[in-house]
Protein backbone atom coordinates (compact mmCIF):
# COMPACT_ATOMS: atom_id res chain seq x y z
CA MET A 1 -42.20 -40.58 2.05
CA LYS A 2 -44.95 -41.05 4.69
CA LYS A 3 -42.31 -42.10 7.21
CA ILE A 4 -40.22 -38.97 6.53
CA SER A 5 -43.32 -36.80 6.67
CA LEU A 6 -44.26 -38.33 10.02
CA TYR A 7 -40.74 -37.67 11.31
CA VAL A 8 -40.98 -34.08 10.13
CA THR A 9 -44.32 -33.64 11.85
CA LEU A 10 -43.10 -35.03 15.15
CA ALA A 11 -39.83 -33.09 15.05
CA LEU A 12 -41.43 -29.78 14.20
CA THR A 13 -44.28 -30.25 16.66
CA ALA A 14 -41.84 -31.04 19.47
CA PHE A 15 -39.70 -28.10 18.57
CA LEU A 16 -42.59 -25.65 18.44
CA MET A 17 -43.99 -26.91 21.75
CA GLY A 18 -40.65 -26.16 23.37
CA ALA A 19 -40.18 -22.83 21.68
CA CYS A 20 -41.50 -19.46 22.71
CA SER A 21 -45.08 -18.85 21.66
CA GLY A 22 -44.43 -15.41 20.16
CA ASP A 23 -44.83 -14.86 16.45
CA TYR A 24 -41.81 -15.08 14.20
CA THR A 25 -40.89 -11.42 13.81
CA ASN A 26 -38.43 -10.64 11.06
CA TRP A 27 -35.80 -12.38 8.89
CA ALA A 28 -33.44 -9.53 9.66
CA ASP A 29 -33.28 -11.13 13.12
CA PRO A 30 -32.92 -14.80 12.17
CA GLN A 31 -31.76 -16.02 15.58
CA ALA A 32 -34.99 -15.49 17.53
CA TYR A 33 -34.41 -19.12 18.58
CA SER A 34 -31.06 -20.76 19.17
CA GLN A 35 -29.78 -22.42 16.02
CA GLU A 36 -28.09 -25.00 18.20
CA ASN A 37 -31.61 -26.28 18.91
CA ALA A 38 -32.46 -26.71 15.25
CA VAL A 39 -33.90 -30.06 14.21
CA THR A 40 -32.50 -32.34 11.54
CA ILE A 41 -34.68 -34.20 9.06
CA PRO A 42 -33.52 -37.44 7.40
CA GLY A 43 -32.73 -36.87 3.73
CA PHE A 44 -33.08 -33.08 3.96
CA LYS A 45 -29.68 -31.50 3.64
CA ALA A 46 -27.60 -28.88 1.88
CA THR A 47 -25.14 -29.96 -0.79
CA ALA A 48 -21.99 -28.04 -1.73
CA VAL A 49 -21.69 -26.46 -5.17
CA ALA A 50 -18.62 -26.17 -7.37
CA SER A 51 -16.21 -23.30 -6.69
CA GLN A 52 -17.66 -20.00 -7.87
CA ASP A 53 -15.93 -17.25 -9.89
CA LEU A 54 -17.62 -14.00 -8.91
CA ALA A 55 -16.43 -12.41 -12.14
CA THR A 56 -18.85 -14.63 -14.10
CA THR A 57 -21.77 -15.32 -11.76
CA GLY A 58 -23.82 -12.23 -12.53
CA ASP A 59 -25.87 -10.50 -9.83
CA SER A 60 -26.27 -13.63 -7.70
CA VAL A 61 -24.11 -16.58 -6.77
CA GLN A 62 -25.05 -20.14 -5.80
CA THR A 63 -23.77 -21.11 -2.35
CA PHE A 64 -25.52 -24.49 -1.90
CA THR A 65 -28.43 -26.61 -3.10
CA LEU A 66 -31.14 -28.16 -0.92
CA SER A 67 -32.65 -31.61 -1.26
CA SER A 68 -36.44 -31.72 -1.30
CA ALA A 69 -38.60 -32.92 1.58
CA LYS A 70 -42.38 -33.19 1.88
CA LEU A 71 -43.53 -31.05 4.77
CA PRO A 72 -46.72 -31.68 6.78
CA ASP A 73 -49.77 -29.62 5.90
CA GLY A 74 -49.47 -26.03 7.01
CA TYR A 75 -45.67 -25.87 7.01
CA ALA A 76 -43.64 -23.86 4.49
CA LEU A 77 -39.88 -23.45 4.13
CA GLN A 78 -38.64 -19.88 4.39
CA ASN A 79 -35.67 -17.82 5.46
CA ALA A 80 -32.67 -19.90 4.41
CA ARG A 81 -29.27 -18.69 5.54
CA ILE A 82 -25.70 -19.84 5.41
CA LEU A 83 -23.17 -19.31 8.20
CA LEU A 84 -19.74 -18.74 6.68
CA THR A 85 -16.48 -19.14 8.60
CA PRO A 86 -13.26 -18.39 6.66
CA VAL A 87 -10.70 -21.18 6.57
CA GLY A 88 -7.07 -20.44 7.39
CA ILE A 89 -7.77 -17.25 9.35
CA ASP A 90 -6.76 -16.95 13.00
CA ASN A 91 -9.67 -16.15 15.33
CA ALA A 92 -12.03 -16.32 12.35
CA GLN A 93 -15.46 -14.78 12.82
CA THR A 94 -18.63 -16.38 11.46
CA THR A 95 -20.91 -14.32 9.22
CA THR A 96 -24.57 -15.13 8.63
CA VAL A 97 -25.71 -14.44 5.07
CA ASN A 98 -29.34 -14.57 3.96
CA THR A 99 -30.04 -16.77 0.93
CA THR A 100 -32.94 -17.88 -1.20
CA LEU A 101 -34.27 -21.40 -0.73
CA ASN A 102 -32.18 -22.50 -3.69
CA GLY A 103 -29.00 -21.09 -2.06
CA LYS A 104 -28.67 -17.89 -4.09
CA VAL A 105 -26.92 -14.87 -2.55
CA LEU A 106 -26.18 -11.40 -3.92
CA THR A 107 -22.76 -11.57 -5.55
CA SER A 108 -21.93 -8.16 -4.09
CA ASP A 109 -22.45 -9.52 -0.55
CA ILE A 110 -20.02 -12.41 -1.08
CA GLN A 111 -17.56 -10.08 -2.85
CA SER A 112 -17.58 -7.70 0.11
CA LEU A 113 -17.18 -10.53 2.60
CA ILE A 114 -14.19 -12.03 0.79
CA GLU A 115 -12.54 -8.62 0.34
CA SER A 116 -12.95 -7.79 4.04
CA ILE A 117 -11.24 -11.04 5.08
CA TYR A 118 -8.82 -12.05 2.34
CA GLY A 119 -8.45 -8.94 0.15
CA LYS A 120 -9.19 -8.50 -3.55
CA ARG A 121 -6.77 -10.97 -5.12
CA PRO A 122 -8.85 -13.25 -7.42
CA THR A 123 -7.90 -16.52 -5.73
CA ASN A 124 -10.28 -19.24 -4.55
CA ARG A 125 -11.21 -18.65 -0.90
CA THR A 126 -12.70 -21.43 1.24
CA PHE A 127 -15.37 -21.10 3.94
CA ASP A 128 -16.70 -23.70 6.33
CA ALA A 129 -20.46 -23.32 5.95
CA HIS A 130 -23.53 -24.33 7.93
CA VAL A 131 -26.99 -24.06 6.35
CA TYR A 132 -30.23 -23.45 8.24
CA VAL A 133 -33.80 -23.08 7.00
CA SER A 134 -36.96 -22.02 8.83
CA ALA A 135 -40.20 -24.02 8.72
CA ILE A 136 -43.12 -21.65 9.27
CA ARG A 137 -46.65 -22.54 10.44
CA ASN A 138 -49.24 -20.12 11.78
CA GLY A 139 -46.62 -17.42 12.19
CA GLN A 140 -44.29 -19.57 14.27
CA ALA A 141 -40.80 -20.57 13.12
CA ALA A 142 -38.92 -23.81 13.69
CA PHE A 143 -35.31 -24.15 12.59
CA ILE A 144 -34.05 -26.97 10.41
CA ASP A 145 -30.36 -27.80 10.39
CA ALA A 146 -29.50 -28.62 6.76
CA GLY A 147 -25.93 -29.60 7.55
CA LYS A 148 -22.36 -28.49 7.07
CA ILE A 149 -20.59 -28.01 3.73
CA GLN A 150 -17.75 -25.93 2.32
CA PHE A 151 -18.24 -22.94 0.05
CA VAL A 152 -15.43 -21.83 -2.29
CA ALA A 153 -15.37 -18.63 -4.34
CA ALA A 154 -12.89 -16.29 -6.02
CA PRO A 155 -13.60 -12.53 -5.88
CA LYS A 156 -14.03 -10.46 -9.01
CA ALA A 157 -10.88 -8.49 -9.84
CA PRO A 158 -8.91 -7.56 -12.95
CA PHE A 159 -5.53 -9.06 -13.80
CA ILE A 160 -2.79 -7.15 -11.99
CA ASP A 161 0.81 -8.20 -12.55
CA ALA A 162 3.57 -7.97 -9.95
CA GLY A 163 5.19 -5.08 -11.81
CA TYR A 164 5.01 -2.82 -14.86
CA TYR A 165 7.53 -1.14 -17.18
CA LEU A 166 7.42 1.99 -19.32
CA ALA A 167 8.56 1.42 -22.92
CA GLY A 168 8.69 3.73 -25.93
CA ASP A 169 10.55 6.71 -27.34
CA ILE A 170 11.16 7.88 -23.78
CA THR A 171 13.03 4.81 -22.58
CA GLY A 172 13.49 2.41 -25.48
CA TRP A 173 11.20 -0.05 -27.23
CA ASP A 174 12.65 -3.27 -25.79
CA ALA A 175 13.44 -4.84 -22.44
CA SER A 176 16.95 -3.36 -22.32
CA GLY A 177 15.55 0.16 -22.16
CA ALA A 178 12.25 -0.32 -20.35
CA VAL A 179 12.08 1.33 -16.92
CA ALA A 180 10.19 -0.17 -13.98
CA PHE A 181 7.33 1.57 -12.24
CA LYS A 182 7.71 1.87 -8.49
CA HIS A 183 5.31 0.14 -6.14
CA SER A 184 4.83 -0.20 -2.40
CA SER A 185 5.59 -3.39 -0.48
CA GLN A 186 1.87 -4.21 -0.25
CA ASP A 187 0.09 -6.85 -2.32
CA VAL A 188 -0.87 -5.38 -5.70
CA TYR A 189 -4.54 -6.14 -5.01
CA THR A 190 -4.32 -4.11 -1.80
CA ASP A 191 -2.35 -1.29 -3.42
CA PRO A 192 -2.92 -1.36 -7.20
CA VAL A 193 -1.15 1.96 -7.85
CA PHE A 194 2.23 2.06 -9.65
CA THR A 195 4.27 5.23 -10.25
CA ILE A 196 7.15 6.23 -12.51
CA PHE A 197 9.10 9.47 -12.82
CA PHE A 198 10.82 10.27 -16.13
CA THR A 199 12.22 13.05 -18.31
CA THR A 200 11.62 13.64 -22.02
CA ASN A 201 14.19 15.75 -23.86
CA ALA A 202 12.13 16.30 -27.02
CA ALA A 203 8.52 16.74 -28.08
CA ASN A 204 6.08 14.05 -29.23
CA LYS A 205 7.38 11.00 -27.41
CA TYR A 206 5.35 7.77 -27.60
CA TRP A 207 4.79 5.25 -24.80
CA LYS A 208 3.25 1.89 -23.92
CA ILE A 209 3.21 -0.13 -20.69
CA ILE A 210 4.66 -3.64 -20.37
CA PRO A 211 3.54 -6.04 -17.60
CA LYS A 212 6.21 -8.02 -15.78
CA ASN A 213 5.19 -11.34 -17.33
CA ASN A 214 5.90 -9.82 -20.76
CA TYR A 215 9.14 -8.25 -19.56
CA ASP A 216 10.31 -11.67 -18.36
CA GLY A 217 9.16 -13.47 -21.51
CA ASP A 218 7.43 -12.43 -24.74
CA PHE A 219 7.91 -8.65 -24.54
CA TRP A 220 5.17 -7.62 -26.98
CA LYS A 221 2.63 -10.36 -26.19
CA ASN A 222 -0.98 -9.19 -26.49
CA GLY A 223 -4.00 -10.44 -24.61
CA ILE A 224 -5.81 -9.85 -21.35
CA ASN A 225 -2.52 -9.96 -19.40
CA GLY A 226 -0.37 -8.44 -22.14
CA VAL A 227 0.76 -5.00 -23.35
CA LEU A 228 -1.20 -1.96 -22.15
CA GLY A 229 -1.83 1.17 -24.15
CA THR A 230 -4.42 3.72 -25.20
CA THR A 231 -7.40 3.00 -27.43
CA VAL A 232 -6.32 5.62 -30.01
CA ASP A 233 -2.82 5.75 -31.48
CA GLY A 234 -1.01 8.96 -30.60
CA ASP A 235 -3.49 9.85 -27.86
CA THR A 236 -2.14 12.98 -26.13
CA SER A 237 -4.53 12.82 -23.17
CA MET A 238 -2.82 13.29 -19.82
CA GLU A 239 -5.21 10.81 -18.19
CA GLY A 240 -7.57 8.11 -19.35
CA LYS A 241 -8.22 4.39 -19.63
CA LEU A 242 -5.65 1.72 -20.40
CA THR A 243 -6.56 -1.23 -22.58
CA THR A 244 -5.11 -4.60 -23.56
CA ASP A 245 -7.50 -4.82 -26.54
CA ASN A 246 -5.37 -3.77 -29.54
CA PRO A 247 -3.38 -1.33 -27.38
CA GLN A 248 -2.04 1.79 -29.10
CA ALA A 249 0.76 4.17 -28.09
CA GLY A 250 0.04 7.26 -26.07
CA LYS A 251 2.00 10.44 -26.81
CA ILE A 252 3.57 13.13 -24.63
CA VAL A 253 3.61 16.36 -26.58
CA GLU A 254 6.06 18.55 -24.65
CA ALA A 255 9.57 17.90 -23.39
CA GLY A 256 9.83 18.00 -19.62
CA ILE A 257 9.82 16.13 -16.33
CA TYR A 258 6.81 13.91 -15.73
CA ARG A 259 5.20 11.55 -13.24
CA MET A 260 2.93 8.78 -14.55
CA THR A 261 0.59 6.96 -12.18
CA ILE A 262 -1.37 3.86 -13.16
CA ASN A 263 -4.18 2.31 -11.12
CA MET A 264 -4.50 -1.29 -12.23
CA MET A 265 -7.68 -1.97 -10.30
CA ASP A 266 -9.57 0.26 -12.75
CA TYR A 267 -6.94 0.32 -15.54
CA THR A 268 -6.49 4.08 -15.59
CA TYR A 269 -3.44 6.31 -16.05
CA LYS A 270 -2.56 9.87 -15.15
CA ILE A 271 0.44 11.86 -16.43
CA GLU A 272 1.56 15.04 -14.65
CA LYS A 273 4.15 17.51 -15.88
CA LEU A 274 6.26 18.53 -12.92
CA ASN A 275 7.92 21.85 -12.24
CA PHE A 276 10.20 21.32 -9.27
CA GLN A 277 11.42 24.07 -6.98
CA GLU A 278 14.91 24.13 -5.56
CA PHE A 279 14.08 23.61 -1.88
CA MET A 280 11.77 21.53 0.29
CA TYR A 281 11.49 21.68 4.08
CA MET A 282 10.90 19.23 6.94
CA ALA A 283 8.86 20.36 9.92
CA GLY A 284 8.20 17.97 12.75
CA ASP A 285 8.30 17.26 16.44
CA ALA A 286 12.10 16.91 16.33
CA ASN A 287 12.60 20.54 15.26
CA GLY A 288 9.66 22.18 17.00
CA TRP A 289 7.41 22.02 13.92
CA SER A 290 9.36 24.75 12.19
CA GLN A 291 10.67 24.56 8.62
CA ILE A 292 14.32 24.88 9.63
CA ASP A 293 15.52 21.58 8.16
CA ILE A 294 16.06 22.18 4.46
CA LEU A 295 16.41 19.77 1.55
CA GLN A 296 17.80 20.87 -1.82
CA SER A 297 17.32 19.66 -5.39
CA PRO A 298 20.31 21.31 -7.12
CA ALA A 299 19.35 19.85 -10.49
CA PHE A 300 15.68 20.86 -10.09
CA ASP A 301 14.83 17.22 -10.86
CA GLY A 302 12.66 16.54 -7.82
CA ILE A 303 15.39 14.63 -5.91
CA TYR A 304 16.02 16.49 -2.64
CA THR A 305 18.68 15.78 -0.04
CA GLY A 306 19.25 17.11 3.45
CA TYR A 307 20.70 16.08 6.81
CA MET A 308 18.67 16.31 10.00
CA TYR A 309 17.70 14.83 13.35
CA MET A 310 14.33 13.03 13.40
CA ASN A 311 12.11 11.28 15.92
CA GLN A 312 8.99 9.11 15.84
CA ASN A 313 6.49 11.81 16.84
CA GLY A 314 5.57 12.87 13.33
CA PHE A 315 6.62 15.31 10.59
CA LYS A 316 5.60 16.74 7.22
CA PHE A 317 7.43 17.85 4.10
CA CYS A 318 6.66 21.46 3.20
CA THR A 319 7.01 23.44 -0.01
CA GLN A 320 7.65 26.74 1.78
CA PRO A 321 9.58 27.78 4.90
CA ASN A 322 6.18 28.21 6.61
CA TRP A 323 2.77 26.55 6.54
CA ASN A 324 1.38 28.62 3.64
CA GLY A 325 2.17 26.26 0.77
CA PRO A 326 1.20 22.65 0.06
CA ASN A 327 2.40 20.41 2.89
CA TYR A 328 2.79 16.65 2.46
CA GLY A 329 1.59 14.33 5.22
CA ALA A 330 1.06 10.58 5.41
CA GLY A 331 0.78 9.01 1.96
CA PHE A 332 2.07 12.34 0.61
CA SER A 333 -1.44 13.74 0.97
CA THR A 334 -1.68 17.54 0.81
CA ALA A 335 -5.11 17.61 2.48
CA GLY A 336 -5.28 20.05 5.36
CA ASP A 337 -6.23 17.28 7.76
CA ALA A 338 -3.72 14.74 6.44
CA PRO A 339 -2.06 12.80 9.28
CA ASN A 340 1.63 13.34 9.92
CA ILE A 341 4.25 11.06 8.42
CA THR A 342 5.45 8.77 11.19
CA LEU A 343 9.01 7.55 11.34
CA THR A 344 9.24 3.78 11.80
CA GLU A 345 13.03 3.86 12.16
CA PRO A 346 14.69 4.70 15.49
CA GLU A 347 15.06 8.30 16.56
CA GLY A 348 18.36 9.68 15.32
CA PHE A 349 20.30 11.65 12.74
CA TYR A 350 19.67 10.87 9.07
CA LYS A 351 20.48 11.69 5.51
CA VAL A 352 17.02 12.25 4.03
CA THR A 353 16.45 11.71 0.31
CA LEU A 354 13.08 12.96 -0.90
CA ASP A 355 11.84 11.97 -4.38
CA MET A 356 8.95 14.27 -5.28
CA GLY A 357 8.59 12.61 -8.66
CA ALA A 358 7.87 9.23 -7.11
CA LEU A 359 6.35 10.76 -3.94
CA SER A 360 8.62 8.75 -1.69
CA TYR A 361 11.51 9.26 0.71
CA SER A 362 14.37 7.20 2.06
CA LEU A 363 16.58 7.51 5.13
CA THR A 364 20.26 6.74 5.60
CA PRO A 365 21.10 6.54 9.32
CA ILE A 366 24.14 8.47 10.45
CA THR A 367 25.16 6.93 13.74
CA THR A 368 28.62 8.50 14.01
CA ILE A 369 30.50 11.48 12.59
CA GLY A 370 34.20 11.98 13.09
CA VAL A 371 37.07 14.34 12.29
CA ILE A 372 39.76 12.73 10.15
CA GLY A 373 42.93 13.95 8.44
CA ASP A 374 46.66 14.36 8.81
CA ALA A 375 46.07 17.15 11.34
CA THR A 376 44.58 14.60 13.78
CA ALA A 377 46.41 12.28 16.13
CA ASP A 378 45.77 9.20 13.96
CA GLY A 379 46.02 10.90 10.59
CA TRP A 380 43.81 9.50 7.84
CA ASN A 381 43.55 6.10 9.53
CA SER A 382 40.62 6.65 11.90
CA ASP A 383 38.09 9.20 13.08
CA GLN A 384 38.07 11.42 16.14
CA SER A 385 34.47 10.93 17.26
CA MET A 386 32.01 13.81 17.57
CA THR A 387 28.80 13.88 19.65
CA TYR A 388 25.44 15.16 18.51
CA ASP A 389 24.14 18.14 20.53
CA LYS A 390 20.33 18.09 20.15
CA ALA A 391 19.84 21.46 21.86
CA ASN A 392 22.17 23.29 19.48
CA ARG A 393 21.52 21.02 16.47
CA CYS A 394 25.16 20.31 15.74
CA TRP A 395 27.89 17.68 16.04
CA VAL A 396 30.56 18.64 18.57
CA ILE A 397 34.05 17.62 19.62
CA GLN A 398 35.82 19.49 22.41
CA ASN A 399 39.51 19.82 23.24
CA ILE A 400 40.68 18.07 20.10
CA VAL A 401 44.42 18.58 19.58
CA LEU A 402 45.33 19.25 15.96
CA LYS A 403 48.64 19.67 14.13
CA ASP A 404 49.26 21.86 11.13
CA GLY A 405 47.49 20.02 8.35
CA ALA A 406 44.20 19.02 6.75
CA ILE A 407 40.94 17.65 8.10
CA LYS A 408 37.60 16.45 6.77
CA PHE A 409 34.45 15.05 8.35
CA ARG A 410 32.89 11.69 7.56
CA ALA A 411 29.91 9.61 8.65
CA ASN A 412 29.73 6.05 9.95
CA ASP A 413 33.54 5.58 9.89
CA ALA A 414 33.45 5.35 6.09
CA TRP A 415 33.89 7.57 3.03
CA ASP A 416 30.41 6.98 1.61
CA ILE A 417 29.33 10.28 3.16
CA SER A 418 31.99 12.88 3.92
CA TRP A 419 32.23 16.65 4.04
CA GLY A 420 34.89 19.05 2.89
CA GLY A 421 35.16 22.50 1.33
CA THR A 422 35.26 25.81 3.16
CA LEU A 423 34.20 26.52 6.73
CA ASN A 424 31.05 28.33 5.56
CA SER A 425 30.15 25.95 2.75
CA LEU A 426 30.68 22.23 3.19
CA THR A 427 29.72 19.71 0.55
CA THR A 428 29.69 15.95 0.20
CA GLN A 429 30.59 16.27 -3.49
CA ASN A 430 34.40 15.93 -3.39
CA GLY A 431 34.80 18.82 -1.02
CA SER A 432 38.38 19.97 -0.59
CA ASN A 433 40.47 19.45 2.54
CA ILE A 434 40.15 22.04 5.30
CA TYR A 435 43.53 23.30 6.53
CA VAL A 436 44.11 24.21 10.17
CA ALA A 437 47.00 25.44 12.31
CA ALA A 438 48.26 23.49 15.31
CA GLY A 439 46.22 24.02 18.46
CA THR A 440 43.49 22.73 20.78
CA TYR A 441 40.01 23.30 19.42
CA THR A 442 36.27 22.96 19.90
CA ILE A 443 34.70 22.03 16.57
CA LYS A 444 30.98 22.32 15.86
CA LEU A 445 29.57 20.86 12.63
CA TYR A 446 26.16 22.10 11.43
CA LEU A 447 24.74 19.85 8.73
CA SER A 448 22.09 20.85 6.24
CA TYR A 449 22.01 20.50 2.44
CA ASP A 450 25.21 20.61 0.40
CA GLY A 451 26.68 24.11 0.41
CA ASN A 452 24.62 25.14 3.42
CA SER A 453 26.44 22.85 5.85
CA HIS A 454 29.13 24.70 7.80
CA VAL A 455 31.58 24.30 10.65
CA THR A 456 33.07 26.45 13.38
CA ILE A 457 36.60 25.74 14.66
CA GLN A 458 37.44 27.65 17.83
């Protein structure tokens, strides 16, 4: 021990003689001296601890332990810190975290660090770690290098399954009837929100929620990762807490159309009764930010369809043909300062399907539209191609020679989307043939929602 103590004395004395003479100022600024110049002391080192589960560590978590060393008179160990560098991360940054001399750190600090780098998924995360401690004498600090270790910890987070299903009177009480909640493409610990849209045709319908692992196996399994429900059987609350502890069935009192949203990070649910209007509107850069592109929900079920030209410079969905009503921006936020929705697909013409129950939309690209029928040169075998006129917002074909007979219009050289009916009211729903007399024509096709699409033949 005397030999180690002598080594410590010599090392610290040499270090302090070469260091600045100013007083050690503040632990909030631990690098008053370069840590690369820290001394090492034989037998004094940090030792790694077992992997830590932040869900069970309490307010503080152990990051390392230190061996003991007898310091010369007048020296005291203070200001331990651990430098943490995440493993498996490109261009990883090192974070310095203050610790106690026994390696304790606030659990909340490690939780925040892991979340900022790896996210919230409760998986063991590994850090390369380097431990330093200060030796203080007469207000001056010397740095001791306690060595390199690895620190492993899993962040605190609840169980979140890959998917969830609604079961009950509304859908059916087994896997054959259960209906899946919708979820984004993000990791469930990044986006823990799941949404479902459903209709009840009678009053007093009961429900429970089934996680995917149950759906794929033991449907009614209970436990921390099992069936979810309310704490009180027949609970009619439209929002509240979900539980896996003796879960009971919630109840929806009135028949109607509903959206249920569950947030599995805090195990809460919210049920909204929806009253859908017939029309929604798209206003964006492609149409001069006016609500002239219209989507219709003929069944008033929240599923809207329309046809329109779109670009990547932003748009919003609007509830009125002006800016006076709720307007939906990015993330379907109705906040006044909500950013615009930004198209990630190429600029072009699309069939737009808007689901206001699920708060989502989908796009079907329409790259071509053609005239087809026995009145055309090639009959029903192939299309006579039209061109989209952005200035006049219509599809055009000029100098097309037609015979006496019938025509229709179809998209993408296929019958998946086609239009027929009358000149003033075209529909994709089995619209009838349009009959024309022989002649040379200019045809302009104006597409909107079914029944509002129309064509001029001149």
